[in-house]
Amino acid sequence: MSFHQLKLNPTDVLFFKDGRPMEGSSAGHGAAWPMPHVLDAALHAALHRSGLQSHTHRSHRSGAIISENREQDGRSFGSLQSAGPFPVSPQGDWFFPRPADADHSGSHETTHQPLESPPEGASSSLPKELRPVVSLRPPSKAKAEKWLSADAYQAYLNQTASLQSEHYCNDEKIFSAEHNIGIGIDANTGAQDGKSYYSASYLRLCQDWSLGLLTTCMDKEHGDLIAQTFENSGHANHILAGGQQRTCTVYRSTPEALPLPRGSEITSKLVRWTLLSPAIFPLLEGENNHPGGWLPTWIEPESFQVQLKTRPVRKKGQSRNAWREEVKTAPAIGAKLVAALVPPALPVTGWSLGKAQGEGSRGMGAKSTHLAVPAGAVYYFECESPEEARKLADELNWHGGSASQKLANTGEPSQRLAPTIVNRRSSLFGEKGFGLGVCSAFQFHRGNKHPAC
C-alpha cells in the first residue's frame, strides 16, 4: 500500500458547512477547518469523475458478505483511505491541533497531569476508577495557539524544550472567514429564484498555505488509482472540495516517510494517547452494550479495562477465518484507562444525494449525526508492566509497532516498506482519517495540594 501526499491550493474561497441551518437570520457557518470525511468524499468524487475502472467492494460485517448483489450493493473505489486535511505552511511544514494537556502559549510543554490520588476529603463526580486531570499552572486569560508544527508536536511527545514562535500559530495565520450574501436556487430550474436570500461565511486560506492530505487507493485489478487520477507532481490537477463545489489545484508527491508525528519510546507502565484527528465512538446496544461518546468502544465501561489485543501475524497460507479465530483467543492487553482530558464534542453530519451507481441503496436525505471526540483529546492508561505498555502503544500509534516503524528509505530496495497508516482507533470512519493518534509517556501529579494553588 503506497500513500501519496496531496497539497490542495484553493483557487477561491471554500465552503465547509456544519449542520446548522442557513435560513432566516441563521448564517451558514462554512469557514471552519474541514472534518476528515469532507475531503475523503471529495477524493471519492474525483475518482468517479476520472473514468477509471475499479474492483467493486461488497459490504461485509464480521467477515460475512451482507449481500450477494454486487451490482446493486457494491461500492466502487472501496479501497480508498485518507488522512487529513492538515494545514501546510508556505515552507512545507505540516501543522496539527494542539493537545489539550499542553495549554500554554508559545510552548508545547505539558500543563496538565492526572492526580495520583485525590486530595484528602475531596469529592468528584467521576467514576471511582478514574482520576481528575489538574492544571499545573494558575488560571490565565491567555489562550494558547491552536496549531503546533510537526516539530513542535514531536517535541511535545518527546518532552523536549520549546521551539521558536513560528512553530505555534492560531487560525488567523492559516485562514480567515469571508462573509457573503447569496440568492437561493430553484430546485426545478437550477437558476436563482430571486426570492430567497441567505448569508454565509467562507474559508479563505492565507497566502501560500495549503490543505495537506495523505491518501491511497490500491486496486487489486487496476493498480494505484490515486497516481492515475492525479498525475506526477510536476503537473497541476484539480479537485472539487466542500459545498458549492469549489475548485482546488492538487499537487501530488510520494513521500519516503509520512509527515505525521510519531509516538515516542515507552519505558514505564504509563501511556498517554493523544488524538491527531477526531474519533467517533457510537452507542452500542445489545449484547455488547456500551455508552460510547467520549469513551472508546474498546474500553470496558464499568472497569475501564482495555479490551484491545496484540494481533498475531497472519501466517503464510493461513486462511482469513483461521487467523480471525486466532485473534479471538489472544489475551487482552493488560492496561486500564485512569484519566482523560476531552474537549467538547464535534458534530459530524452530512447529506446524501441518493442512490448512485455502485454506492448502495441509501436514499436522499440527511445522514446520521455523530458526536466526535475532537483532535487534541488525551487519554491516560496505566498498564500492568512496561511490556504491556509497549503492546498498548503498538496498538494505538497510527504507525503501529516496531515492525511497522521501518521507513521507506531503509534496507535494501527490494525489502523497503512503503509508508503507511497501521492503526485508526475510531469505531467509525477510520478509513476516512478518523482515530489517528500517537503515544508518549506521562507522569502522575503527586501530592495532596492542587498544583495550581
Protein backbone atom coordinates (compact mmCIF):
# COMPACT_ATOMS: atom_id res chain seq x y z
CA MET A 1 0.00 0.00 0.00
CA SER A 2 1.52 3.29 -1.11
CA PHE A 3 0.38 6.54 0.48
CA HIS A 4 0.52 9.70 -1.58
CA GLN A 5 0.80 13.25 -0.28
CA LEU A 6 -1.63 15.73 -1.80
CA LYS A 7 -1.42 19.51 -1.35
CA LEU A 8 -4.66 21.32 -2.18
CA ASN A 9 -4.40 25.01 -3.12
CA PRO A 10 -7.85 26.66 -3.42
CA THR A 11 -8.44 28.87 -6.44
CA ASP A 12 -11.10 30.79 -4.47
CA VAL A 13 -12.79 30.69 -1.08
CA LEU A 14 -14.03 27.31 0.23
CA PHE A 15 -17.30 26.42 1.92
CA PHE A 16 -17.31 23.73 4.63
CA LYS A 17 -20.74 24.00 6.21
CA ASP A 18 -21.60 22.37 9.53
CA GLY A 19 -25.03 21.04 10.48
CA ARG A 20 -26.57 24.39 11.41
CA PRO A 21 -29.33 25.78 9.13
CA MET A 22 -28.97 28.60 6.59
CA GLU A 23 -32.42 30.13 6.90
CA GLY A 24 -33.71 33.47 8.16
CA SER A 25 -31.21 35.12 10.45
CA SER A 26 -29.06 31.96 10.72
CA ALA A 27 -25.81 32.39 8.80
CA GLY A 28 -24.16 29.48 7.07
CA HIS A 29 -21.11 28.62 9.14
CA GLY A 30 -18.79 27.45 6.38
CA ALA A 31 -15.44 28.91 7.46
CA ALA A 32 -14.38 26.15 9.87
CA TRP A 33 -11.44 23.87 9.18
CA PRO A 34 -12.90 20.84 7.32
CA MET A 35 -13.51 17.49 9.00
CA PRO A 36 -11.72 14.43 7.56
CA HIS A 37 -14.80 12.90 5.89
CA VAL A 38 -15.40 16.04 3.80
CA LEU A 39 -12.14 15.79 1.86
CA ASP A 40 -12.45 12.00 1.71
CA ALA A 41 -15.79 12.50 -0.09
CA ALA A 42 -14.07 14.92 -2.49
CA LEU A 43 -11.47 12.24 -3.27
CA HIS A 44 -14.22 9.69 -3.91
CA ALA A 45 -15.94 12.10 -6.30
CA ALA A 46 -12.65 12.78 -8.11
CA LEU A 47 -12.09 9.04 -8.59
CA HIS A 48 -15.60 8.64 -10.00
CA ARG A 49 -15.11 11.58 -12.39
CA SER A 50 -11.77 10.19 -13.58
CA GLY A 51 -13.49 7.42 -15.53
CA LEU A 52 -11.13 4.80 -14.09
CA GLN A 53 -12.30 1.23 -13.57
CA SER A 54 -12.39 -0.18 -10.04
CA HIS A 55 -12.95 -3.54 -8.42
CA THR A 56 -16.38 -3.40 -6.74
CA HIS A 57 -16.28 -3.88 -2.97
CA ARG A 58 -19.27 -5.54 -1.35
CA SER A 59 -20.47 -4.75 2.17
CA HIS A 60 -19.08 -7.03 4.87
CA ARG A 61 -19.86 -7.44 8.54
CA SER A 62 -17.76 -9.68 10.80
CA GLY A 63 -16.28 -11.31 7.74
CA ALA A 64 -19.64 -12.22 6.17
CA ILE A 65 -20.89 -10.69 2.92
CA ILE A 66 -24.16 -8.85 3.61
CA SER A 67 -25.49 -9.01 0.07
CA GLU A 68 -24.59 -11.13 -2.93
CA ASN A 69 -25.85 -8.45 -5.32
CA ARG A 70 -22.51 -6.90 -6.27
CA GLU A 71 -24.06 -4.57 -8.84
CA GLN A 72 -26.68 -3.10 -6.50
CA ASP A 73 -24.96 -3.06 -3.12
CA GLY A 74 -21.30 -2.85 -4.14
CA ARG A 75 -19.13 0.22 -3.69
CA SER A 76 -16.65 1.48 -6.23
CA PHE A 77 -13.22 2.66 -5.04
CA GLY A 78 -13.77 0.98 -1.67
CA SER A 79 -10.02 0.68 -1.11
CA LEU A 80 -9.68 4.46 -0.73
CA GLN A 81 -8.09 5.53 2.56
CA SER A 82 -7.20 9.06 3.58
CA ALA A 83 -5.88 11.15 6.46
CA GLY A 84 -6.22 14.88 6.94
CA PRO A 85 -6.60 17.61 5.97
CA PHE A 86 -3.88 19.32 7.97
CA PRO A 87 -2.55 22.86 7.34
CA VAL A 88 0.70 23.04 5.35
CA SER A 89 2.72 26.25 5.61
CA PRO A 90 4.42 28.04 2.68
CA GLN A 91 7.68 26.46 3.87
CA GLY A 92 6.14 22.98 3.66
CA ASP A 93 5.71 22.42 7.42
CA TRP A 94 2.66 20.41 8.47
CA PHE A 95 0.63 21.63 11.47
CA PHE A 96 -1.58 19.66 13.87
CA PRO A 97 -4.24 20.54 16.50
CA ARG A 98 -2.76 21.41 19.90
CA PRO A 99 -3.03 18.66 22.56
CA ALA A 100 -5.47 19.50 25.36
CA ASP A 101 -2.82 18.95 28.06
CA ALA A 102 -0.31 21.40 26.53
CA ASP A 103 -2.26 24.60 27.11
CA HIS A 104 0.48 27.24 27.32
CA SER A 105 1.05 29.96 24.73
CA GLY A 106 4.29 29.76 22.74
CA SER A 107 5.12 26.35 24.15
CA HIS A 108 4.31 22.66 23.88
CA GLU A 109 5.19 21.76 27.46
CA THR A 110 2.71 19.64 29.42
CA THR A 111 0.42 21.80 31.55
CA HIS A 112 -1.95 19.11 32.90
CA GLN A 113 -1.43 15.82 34.72
CA PRO A 114 -3.75 13.24 36.31
CA LEU A 115 -3.65 13.18 40.09
CA GLU A 116 -2.02 10.09 41.53
CA SER A 117 -4.64 10.19 44.29
CA PRO A 118 -7.38 12.77 45.04
CA PRO A 119 -6.70 15.23 47.89
CA GLU A 120 -7.95 14.07 51.25
CA GLY A 121 -11.62 14.91 51.73
CA ALA A 122 -12.11 15.91 48.07
CA SER A 123 -15.14 14.71 46.13
CA SER A 124 -15.61 14.19 42.42
CA SER A 125 -18.42 13.24 40.03
CA LEU A 126 -16.04 10.94 38.18
CA PRO A 127 -16.34 7.15 38.50
CA LYS A 128 -14.12 5.87 41.29
CA GLU A 129 -11.84 4.16 38.74
CA LEU A 130 -10.97 7.50 37.09
CA ARG A 131 -8.76 10.27 38.42
CA PRO A 132 -9.16 14.01 37.78
CA VAL A 133 -6.74 15.81 35.47
CA VAL A 134 -5.45 19.04 37.02
CA SER A 135 -3.65 22.08 35.67
CA LEU A 136 -0.08 22.68 36.76
CA ARG A 137 -0.48 26.43 36.18
CA PRO A 138 -2.71 29.09 37.79
CA PRO A 139 -5.76 30.21 35.77
CA SER A 140 -4.99 32.67 32.98
CA LYS A 141 -6.90 34.54 30.27
CA ALA A 142 -4.07 34.00 27.78
CA LYS A 143 -5.09 31.46 25.15
CA ALA A 144 -2.60 29.04 23.69
CA GLU A 145 -2.22 28.80 19.90
CA LYS A 146 -4.46 26.20 18.26
CA TRP A 147 -1.85 24.63 15.99
CA LEU A 148 1.58 23.06 16.51
CA SER A 149 4.08 22.28 13.76
CA ALA A 150 5.18 18.69 13.28
CA ASP A 151 8.49 19.50 15.00
CA ALA A 152 6.72 21.10 17.98
CA TYR A 153 4.30 18.18 18.24
CA GLN A 154 7.21 15.73 18.19
CA ALA A 155 8.89 17.76 20.92
CA TYR A 156 5.65 17.54 22.94
CA LEU A 157 5.72 13.75 22.63
CA ASN A 158 9.42 13.53 23.48
CA GLN A 159 9.08 16.16 26.27
CA THR A 160 11.94 18.30 24.97
CA ALA A 161 12.47 22.06 25.07
CA SER A 162 10.17 24.59 23.38
CA LEU A 163 10.92 25.86 19.88
CA GLN A 164 10.73 29.25 18.20
CA SER A 165 7.44 31.10 17.86
CA GLU A 166 6.80 30.13 14.21
CA HIS A 167 6.12 26.56 15.35
CA TYR A 168 2.92 27.70 17.14
CA CYS A 169 0.10 29.54 15.38
CA ASN A 170 -3.61 30.38 15.50
CA ASP A 171 -6.30 30.11 12.85
CA GLU A 172 -5.69 33.71 11.76
CA LYS A 173 -2.27 32.80 10.39
CA ILE A 174 -3.70 29.92 8.35
CA PHE A 175 -7.12 31.08 7.16
CA SER A 176 -9.74 33.79 7.55
CA ALA A 177 -13.52 33.97 7.22
CA GLU A 178 -15.27 35.95 4.48
CA HIS A 179 -18.99 36.74 4.68
CA ASN A 180 -21.17 36.94 1.57
CA ILE A 181 -24.85 37.16 0.66
CA GLY A 182 -26.28 34.53 -1.69
CA ILE A 183 -29.51 34.05 -3.66
CA GLY A 184 -31.50 30.82 -3.37
CA ILE A 185 -31.64 28.29 -6.22
CA ASP A 186 -34.86 26.99 -7.74
CA ALA A 187 -34.74 23.19 -7.46
CA ASN A 188 -36.68 22.71 -10.71
CA THR A 189 -34.76 25.08 -12.99
CA GLY A 190 -31.35 25.20 -11.30
CA ALA A 191 -31.37 29.00 -11.63
CA GLN A 192 -31.55 31.70 -8.96
CA ASP A 193 -35.10 32.08 -7.72
CA GLY A 194 -34.74 35.81 -6.97
CA LYS A 195 -36.80 35.42 -3.78
CA SER A 196 -34.82 33.71 -1.03
CA TYR A 197 -31.55 35.14 0.26
CA TYR A 198 -29.01 33.82 2.73
CA SER A 199 -25.77 34.88 4.38
CA ALA A 200 -22.79 32.55 4.65
CA SER A 201 -19.17 32.60 5.76
CA TYR A 202 -16.44 31.15 3.57
CA LEU A 203 -12.93 29.96 4.35
CA ARG A 204 -10.04 31.69 2.59
CA LEU A 205 -6.58 30.24 3.10
CA CYS A 206 -3.78 32.72 3.70
CA GLN A 207 -1.15 33.26 1.01
CA ASP A 208 0.66 30.04 0.02
CA TRP A 209 -0.94 27.88 2.75
CA SER A 210 -2.34 24.51 1.61
CA LEU A 211 -4.59 21.70 2.80
CA GLY A 212 -2.44 18.59 3.24
CA LEU A 213 -3.90 15.13 2.62
CA LEU A 214 -2.47 11.63 2.78
CA THR A 215 -4.29 9.08 0.64
CA THR A 216 -4.06 5.69 -1.02
CA CYS A 217 -6.34 3.67 -3.29
CA MET A 218 -4.66 0.47 -4.41
CA ASP A 219 -7.00 -1.63 -6.53
CA LYS A 220 -6.15 -5.32 -6.89
CA GLU A 221 -7.26 -5.30 -10.52
CA HIS A 222 -6.33 -1.80 -11.73
CA GLY A 223 -3.34 -0.73 -9.63
CA ASP A 224 -2.64 2.64 -8.00
CA LEU A 225 -5.76 4.72 -8.72
CA ILE A 226 -4.54 7.85 -6.92
CA ALA A 227 -1.44 8.03 -9.12
CA GLN A 228 -3.64 7.57 -12.20
CA THR A 229 -6.14 10.24 -11.13
CA PHE A 230 -3.59 12.86 -10.06
CA GLU A 231 -0.59 12.93 -12.37
CA ASN A 232 3.03 13.49 -11.40
CA SER A 233 3.89 16.34 -9.05
CA GLY A 234 5.09 18.47 -11.96
CA HIS A 235 1.52 18.80 -13.21
CA ALA A 236 -1.40 20.67 -11.68
CA ASN A 237 -4.57 18.63 -11.18
CA HIS A 238 -7.93 19.80 -9.91
CA ILE A 239 -10.48 18.63 -7.37
CA LEU A 240 -13.87 19.95 -6.21
CA ALA A 241 -13.95 20.31 -2.43
CA GLY A 242 -16.69 21.10 0.07
CA GLY A 243 -20.04 22.78 -0.51
CA GLN A 244 -20.79 24.69 -3.70
CA GLN A 245 -18.16 22.57 -5.48
CA ARG A 246 -15.23 24.99 -5.13
CA THR A 247 -12.07 24.15 -7.08
CA CYS A 248 -8.64 23.35 -5.66
CA THR A 249 -5.40 22.78 -7.54
CA VAL A 250 -3.79 19.49 -6.46
CA TYR A 251 -0.09 18.62 -6.40
CA ARG A 252 0.82 15.00 -5.67
CA SER A 253 4.06 13.55 -4.34
CA THR A 254 5.05 10.19 -2.85
CA PRO A 255 6.89 10.78 0.45
CA GLU A 256 9.58 8.49 1.84
CA ALA A 257 8.02 8.98 5.29
CA LEU A 258 4.60 10.29 6.26
CA PRO A 259 4.75 13.83 7.76
CA LEU A 260 2.82 12.82 10.90
CA PRO A 261 4.37 12.94 14.40
CA ARG A 262 5.46 9.52 15.65
CA GLY A 263 4.91 8.06 19.10
CA SER A 264 7.85 8.23 21.50
CA GLU A 265 9.56 5.31 23.21
CA ILE A 266 7.64 3.81 26.15
CA THR A 267 9.80 2.67 29.09
CA SER A 268 7.33 2.81 32.01
CA LYS A 269 3.84 1.45 32.76
CA LEU A 270 2.15 4.79 31.95
CA VAL A 271 0.94 5.57 28.41
CA ARG A 272 -0.58 8.83 27.13
CA TRP A 273 -2.56 8.61 23.87
CA THR A 274 -3.19 11.91 22.06
CA LEU A 275 -5.53 12.21 19.07
CA LEU A 276 -4.19 13.80 15.89
CA SER A 277 -7.64 13.59 14.25
CA PRO A 278 -11.20 13.30 15.61
CA ALA A 279 -12.61 9.91 16.61
CA ILE A 280 -16.18 8.59 16.78
CA PHE A 281 -17.29 6.13 19.46
CA PRO A 282 -21.01 5.36 18.94
CA LEU A 283 -23.58 4.00 21.37
CA LEU A 284 -23.66 0.19 21.23
CA GLU A 285 -26.83 -1.60 22.25
CA GLY A 286 -27.50 -5.29 22.73
CA GLU A 287 -25.04 -7.93 23.88
CA ASN A 288 -22.05 -5.55 23.73
CA ASN A 289 -23.78 -2.58 25.37
CA HIS A 290 -21.50 0.47 25.52
CA PRO A 291 -22.28 4.19 26.09
CA GLY A 292 -19.77 5.43 23.51
CA GLY A 293 -19.43 9.22 23.37
CA TRP A 294 -16.10 10.25 24.91
CA LEU A 295 -15.27 6.66 25.95
CA PRO A 296 -13.65 4.46 23.26
CA THR A 297 -15.71 1.36 22.48
CA TRP A 298 -12.61 -0.80 23.06
CA ILE A 299 -12.62 0.13 26.77
CA GLU A 300 -14.93 -1.77 29.13
CA PRO A 301 -17.33 0.89 30.54
CA GLU A 302 -17.52 -0.49 34.10
CA SER A 303 -13.93 -1.46 34.90
CA PHE A 304 -12.30 0.77 32.23
CA GLN A 305 -10.07 -2.16 31.24
CA VAL A 306 -8.62 -2.02 27.72
CA GLN A 307 -10.05 -4.76 25.50
CA LEU A 308 -7.57 -4.42 22.64
CA LYS A 309 -5.41 -7.42 21.80
CA THR A 310 -1.98 -7.81 20.27
CA ARG A 311 -2.97 -9.17 16.90
CA PRO A 312 -0.90 -12.21 15.83
CA VAL A 313 0.86 -12.05 12.49
CA ARG A 314 -1.07 -13.87 9.81
CA LYS A 315 0.98 -16.89 8.73
CA LYS A 316 1.75 -17.61 5.12
CA GLY A 317 -1.05 -19.71 3.66
CA GLN A 318 -3.29 -19.19 6.71
CA SER A 319 -6.93 -18.50 5.82
CA ARG A 320 -8.54 -15.28 6.97
CA ASN A 321 -11.12 -17.16 9.08
CA ALA A 322 -8.40 -19.19 10.81
CA TRP A 323 -6.44 -16.02 11.54
CA ARG A 324 -9.55 -14.35 12.97
CA GLU A 325 -10.14 -17.31 15.28
CA GLU A 326 -6.55 -16.93 16.48
CA VAL A 327 -7.18 -13.24 17.16
CA LYS A 328 -10.30 -14.08 19.20
CA THR A 329 -8.35 -16.37 21.52
CA ALA A 330 -5.48 -13.91 22.04
CA PRO A 331 -5.40 -12.32 25.54
CA ALA A 332 -6.35 -8.66 26.02
CA ILE A 333 -3.57 -6.17 26.75
CA GLY A 334 -3.12 -5.63 30.48
CA ALA A 335 -3.99 -1.92 30.66
CA LYS A 336 -6.62 0.30 32.24
CA LEU A 337 -7.86 3.82 31.50
CA VAL A 338 -7.17 6.01 34.54
CA ALA A 339 -7.96 9.54 33.25
CA ALA A 340 -8.97 11.55 30.19
CA LEU A 341 -8.92 15.18 29.07
CA VAL A 342 -11.55 15.60 26.35
CA PRO A 343 -12.62 18.96 24.80
CA PRO A 344 -16.28 19.48 23.76
CA ALA A 345 -17.64 17.11 21.11
CA LEU A 346 -17.82 17.94 17.40
CA PRO A 347 -20.97 17.14 15.36
CA VAL A 348 -20.30 15.04 12.26
CA THR A 349 -23.11 15.05 9.73
CA GLY A 350 -23.79 15.27 6.02
CA TRP A 351 -26.34 14.98 3.24
CA SER A 352 -26.89 12.11 0.84
CA LEU A 353 -27.97 12.84 -2.73
CA GLY A 354 -29.49 9.39 -3.02
CA LYS A 355 -28.56 6.22 -4.79
CA ALA A 356 -25.68 6.42 -7.24
CA GLN A 357 -24.22 3.63 -9.33
CA GLY A 358 -22.08 1.41 -7.15
CA GLU A 359 -23.00 3.28 -3.97
CA GLY A 360 -25.71 1.07 -2.46
CA SER A 361 -29.40 1.78 -1.93
CA ARG A 362 -29.34 4.67 0.54
CA GLY A 363 -31.99 7.28 -0.21
CA MET A 364 -31.71 11.05 -0.37
CA GLY A 365 -31.71 12.92 2.90
CA ALA A 366 -29.70 13.86 5.96
CA LYS A 367 -27.12 11.38 7.16
CA SER A 368 -26.96 10.26 10.78
CA THR A 369 -25.33 12.81 13.08
CA HIS A 370 -22.47 11.59 15.24
CA LEU A 371 -20.64 13.38 18.04
CA ALA A 372 -16.88 13.04 17.61
CA VAL A 373 -14.13 13.36 20.17
CA PRO A 374 -12.03 16.25 18.77
CA ALA A 375 -8.38 16.10 17.83
CA GLY A 376 -6.20 17.02 20.80
CA ALA A 377 -8.10 14.84 23.27
CA VAL A 378 -5.82 12.94 25.65
CA TYR A 379 -6.33 9.52 27.27
CA TYR A 380 -4.14 8.22 30.10
CA PHE A 381 -3.54 4.50 30.71
CA GLU A 382 -1.82 2.53 33.46
CA CYS A 383 -0.53 -0.86 32.38
CA GLU A 384 0.47 -3.98 34.29
CA SER A 385 4.08 -3.77 33.13
CA PRO A 386 6.32 -1.79 30.74
CA GLU A 387 5.98 -4.68 28.27
CA GLU A 388 2.18 -4.39 28.30
CA ALA A 389 2.55 -0.62 27.93
CA ARG A 390 4.61 -1.10 24.76
CA LYS A 391 1.99 -3.53 23.44
CA LEU A 392 -0.70 -0.92 24.05
CA ALA A 393 1.33 1.78 22.31
CA ASP A 394 1.84 -0.55 19.33
CA GLU A 395 -1.96 -0.89 19.01
CA LEU A 396 -2.70 2.84 19.45
CA ASN A 397 0.07 4.56 17.48
CA TRP A 398 -1.02 5.31 13.93
CA HIS A 399 2.26 3.79 12.71
CA GLY A 400 1.85 0.58 14.73
CA GLY A 401 4.68 -1.28 16.42
CA SER A 402 8.40 -1.72 15.88
CA ALA A 403 7.98 -3.93 12.81
CA SER A 404 5.88 -1.33 11.03
CA GLN A 405 8.05 1.64 12.02
CA LYS A 406 10.62 0.97 9.28
CA LEU A 407 10.78 3.90 6.92
CA ALA A 408 10.55 3.54 3.19
CA ASN A 409 14.19 4.52 2.71
CA THR A 410 15.70 1.82 4.97
CA GLY A 411 17.10 -1.55 3.96
CA GLU A 412 17.62 -2.98 0.52
CA PRO A 413 15.37 -1.62 -2.24
CA SER A 414 13.58 -4.96 -2.57
CA GLN A 415 12.84 -5.00 1.19
CA ARG A 416 11.73 -1.41 1.70
CA LEU A 417 8.35 -0.81 3.27
CA ALA A 418 6.05 1.83 1.82
CA PRO A 419 4.99 4.42 4.44
CA THR A 420 1.53 3.52 5.63
CA ILE A 421 -1.02 4.07 8.42
CA VAL A 422 -1.47 0.94 10.53
CA ASN A 423 -3.96 1.87 13.27
CA ARG A 424 -7.10 4.01 13.11
CA ARG A 425 -8.75 3.73 16.52
CA SER A 426 -12.11 5.32 15.68
CA SER A 427 -15.08 2.94 15.73
CA LEU A 428 -16.47 4.67 12.61
CA PHE A 429 -14.88 6.32 9.57
CA GLY A 430 -11.36 5.11 10.27
CA GLU A 431 -10.71 4.82 6.53
CA LYS A 432 -11.72 8.49 6.19
CA GLY A 433 -8.97 9.63 8.56
CA PHE A 434 -10.70 9.48 11.96
CA GLY A 435 -8.97 8.00 15.01
CA LEU A 436 -5.28 8.72 14.29
CA GLY A 437 -3.28 9.04 17.48
CA VAL A 438 0.22 8.92 18.97
CA CYS A 439 1.50 7.62 22.29
CA SER A 440 4.01 9.02 24.75
CA ALA A 441 4.91 8.73 28.41
CA PHE A 442 3.35 10.74 31.25
CA GLN A 443 3.65 11.10 35.00
CA PHE A 444 1.04 11.38 37.74
CA HIS A 445 0.93 14.54 39.79
CA ARG A 446 1.87 13.55 43.30
CA GLY A 447 0.79 15.45 46.39
CA ASN A 448 -2.38 16.34 48.22
CA LYS A 449 -2.41 20.00 47.22
CA HIS A 450 -3.78 21.23 43.89
CA PRO A 451 -0.64 22.16 41.84
CA ALA A 452 -2.09 25.49 40.62
CA CYS A 453 -2.83 26.77 44.13
